[in-house]
Amino acid sequence: EAFSVGKPVVATAVGGTPEIVEDRKNGLLVQVKDVDGLADAIIELINNEDERRRYGVAGYQRYKNDFSYEKMSERYIEYYEKI
């Protein structure tokens, strides 16, 4: 959701999240249960407007290219046509 509105993301590196949020490319990843790491990542973004903007733009591009309603609809149609 944050990607779709161009906001930077701080997420935990669990499940499929690292496949979507690429650390220091379109957001920040922290390890599970790393409370200090989470706080540090949030503070880092609060203190660095350029970084916030860069991650927001990169996240929005990822959304547009891979997760927009149009892209997801295309994938569902392709999948249904295959089966």
C-alpha atoms as a PDB file:
ATOM      1  CA  GLU A   1       0.000   0.000   0.000  1.00  0.00           C
ATOM      2  CA  ALA A   2       2.807   2.437   0.821  1.00  0.00           C
ATOM      3  CA  PHE A   3       4.407   1.768  -2.563  1.00  0.00           C
ATOM      4  CA  SER A   4       1.163   2.675  -4.335  1.00  0.00           C
ATOM      5  CA  VAL A   5       1.274   6.196  -2.879  1.00  0.00           C
ATOM      6  CA  GLY A   6       5.040   6.709  -3.089  1.00  0.00           C
ATOM      7  CA  LYS A   7       5.830   6.422   0.611  1.00  0.00           C
ATOM      8  CA  PRO A   8       9.038   4.855   1.937  1.00  0.00           C
ATOM      9  CA  VAL A   9       8.741   1.442   3.572  1.00  0.00           C
ATOM     10  CA  VAL A  10      10.328  -0.060   6.657  1.00  0.00           C
ATOM     11  CA  ALA A  11       9.533  -3.762   6.859  1.00  0.00           C
ATOM     12  CA  THR A  12      10.719  -6.946   8.513  1.00  0.00           C
ATOM     13  CA  ALA A  13      12.688  -9.434   6.445  1.00  0.00           C
ATOM     14  CA  VAL A  14      10.179 -12.259   6.777  1.00  0.00           C
ATOM     15  CA  GLY A  15       8.219 -14.383   4.331  1.00  0.00           C
ATOM     16  CA  GLY A  16       8.022 -12.932   0.844  1.00  0.00           C
ATOM     17  CA  THR A  17       8.665  -9.370   1.974  1.00  0.00           C
ATOM     18  CA  PRO A  18      12.370  -9.344   0.934  1.00  0.00           C
ATOM     19  CA  GLU A  19      11.248 -10.271  -2.586  1.00  0.00           C
ATOM     20  CA  ILE A  20       9.248  -7.035  -2.745  1.00  0.00           C
ATOM     21  CA  VAL A  21      11.084  -4.609  -0.469  1.00  0.00           C
ATOM     22  CA  GLU A  22      14.715  -4.481  -1.547  1.00  0.00           C
ATOM     23  CA  ASP A  23      16.860  -3.177   1.283  1.00  0.00           C
ATOM     24  CA  ARG A  24      18.231   0.287   0.541  1.00  0.00           C
ATOM     25  CA  LYS A  25      16.752   0.264  -2.964  1.00  0.00           C
ATOM     26  CA  ASN A  26      13.052   0.833  -2.387  1.00  0.00           C
ATOM     27  CA  GLY A  27      12.859   0.655   1.394  1.00  0.00           C
ATOM     28  CA  LEU A  28      14.554  -0.579   4.522  1.00  0.00           C
ATOM     29  CA  LEU A  29      14.452  -4.123   5.864  1.00  0.00           C
ATOM     30  CA  VAL A  30      15.065  -5.072   9.462  1.00  0.00           C
ATOM     31  CA  GLN A  31      15.360  -8.488  11.031  1.00  0.00           C
ATOM     32  CA  VAL A  32      12.403 -10.033  12.829  1.00  0.00           C
ATOM     33  CA  LYS A  33      12.193  -9.037  16.502  1.00  0.00           C
ATOM     34  CA  ASP A  34      14.944  -6.421  16.063  1.00  0.00           C
ATOM     35  CA  VAL A  35      13.250  -3.574  17.903  1.00  0.00           C
ATOM     36  CA  ASP A  36      16.375  -1.418  17.920  1.00  0.00           C
ATOM     37  CA  GLY A  37      16.893  -2.001  14.192  1.00  0.00           C
ATOM     38  CA  LEU A  38      13.302  -0.996  13.512  1.00  0.00           C
ATOM     39  CA  ALA A  39      13.675   2.171  15.574  1.00  0.00           C
ATOM     40  CA  ASP A  40      16.988   2.972  13.854  1.00  0.00           C
ATOM     41  CA  ALA A  41      15.455   2.519  10.393  1.00  0.00           C
ATOM     42  CA  ILE A  42      12.511   4.783  11.214  1.00  0.00           C
ATOM     43  CA  ILE A  43      14.801   7.443  12.699  1.00  0.00           C
ATOM     44  CA  GLU A  44      17.075   7.195   9.654  1.00  0.00           C
ATOM     45  CA  LEU A  45      14.137   7.981   7.368  1.00  0.00           C
ATOM     46  CA  ILE A  46      12.872  10.773   9.606  1.00  0.00           C
ATOM     47  CA  ASN A  47      16.293  12.406   9.453  1.00  0.00           C
ATOM     48  CA  ASN A  48      16.948  11.958   5.734  1.00  0.00           C
ATOM     49  CA  GLU A  49      14.466  13.582   3.359  1.00  0.00           C
ATOM     50  CA  ASP A  50      16.433  12.596   0.230  1.00  0.00           C
ATOM     51  CA  GLU A  51      16.420   8.956   1.264  1.00  0.00           C
ATOM     52  CA  ARG A  52      12.679   9.064   2.010  1.00  0.00           C
ATOM     53  CA  ARG A  53      12.000  10.566  -1.390  1.00  0.00           C
ATOM     54  CA  ARG A  54      14.298   8.121  -3.230  1.00  0.00           C
ATOM     55  CA  TYR A  55      12.721   5.062  -1.573  1.00  0.00           C
ATOM     56  CA  GLY A  56       9.252   6.448  -2.172  1.00  0.00           C
ATOM     57  CA  VAL A  57       9.905   6.953  -5.883  1.00  0.00           C
ATOM     58  CA  ALA A  58      11.550   3.529  -6.236  1.00  0.00           C
ATOM     59  CA  GLY A  59       8.682   1.877  -4.360  1.00  0.00           C
ATOM     60  CA  TYR A  60       6.116   3.568  -6.572  1.00  0.00           C
ATOM     61  CA  GLN A  61       7.963   2.342  -9.660  1.00  0.00           C
ATOM     62  CA  ARG A  62       7.943  -1.190  -8.256  1.00  0.00           C
ATOM     63  CA  TYR A  63       4.209  -0.869  -7.652  1.00  0.00           C
ATOM     64  CA  LYS A  64       3.554   0.418 -11.179  1.00  0.00           C
ATOM     65  CA  ASN A  65       5.719  -2.254 -12.805  1.00  0.00           C
ATOM     66  CA  ASP A  66       4.639  -5.244 -10.742  1.00  0.00           C
ATOM     67  CA  PHE A  67       1.678  -4.687  -8.442  1.00  0.00           C
ATOM     68  CA  SER A  68      -0.709  -2.135  -9.930  1.00  0.00           C
ATOM     69  CA  TYR A  69      -4.291  -3.230 -10.532  1.00  0.00           C
ATOM     70  CA  GLU A  70      -3.551  -3.309 -14.240  1.00  0.00           C
ATOM     71  CA  LYS A  71      -0.476  -5.534 -13.862  1.00  0.00           C
ATOM     72  CA  MET A  72      -2.157  -7.857 -11.384  1.00  0.00           C
ATOM     73  CA  SER A  73      -5.233  -8.143 -13.629  1.00  0.00           C
ATOM     74  CA  GLU A  74      -3.018  -9.037 -16.585  1.00  0.00           C
ATOM     75  CA  ARG A  75      -1.325 -11.744 -14.521  1.00  0.00           C
ATOM     76  CA  TYR A  76      -4.622 -13.218 -13.365  1.00  0.00           C
ATOM     77  CA  ILE A  77      -5.940 -13.302 -16.924  1.00  0.00           C
ATOM     78  CA  GLU A  78      -2.735 -14.976 -18.157  1.00  0.00           C
ATOM     79  CA  TYR A  79      -2.944 -17.497 -15.347  1.00  0.00           C
ATOM     80  CA  TYR A  80      -6.607 -18.323 -16.009  1.00  0.00           C
ATOM     81  CA  GLU A  81      -5.921 -18.695 -19.711  1.00  0.00           C
ATOM     82  CA  LYS A  82      -3.143 -21.189 -18.930  1.00  0.00           C
ATOM     83  CA  ILE A  83      -5.329 -23.356 -16.745  1.00  0.00           C
END
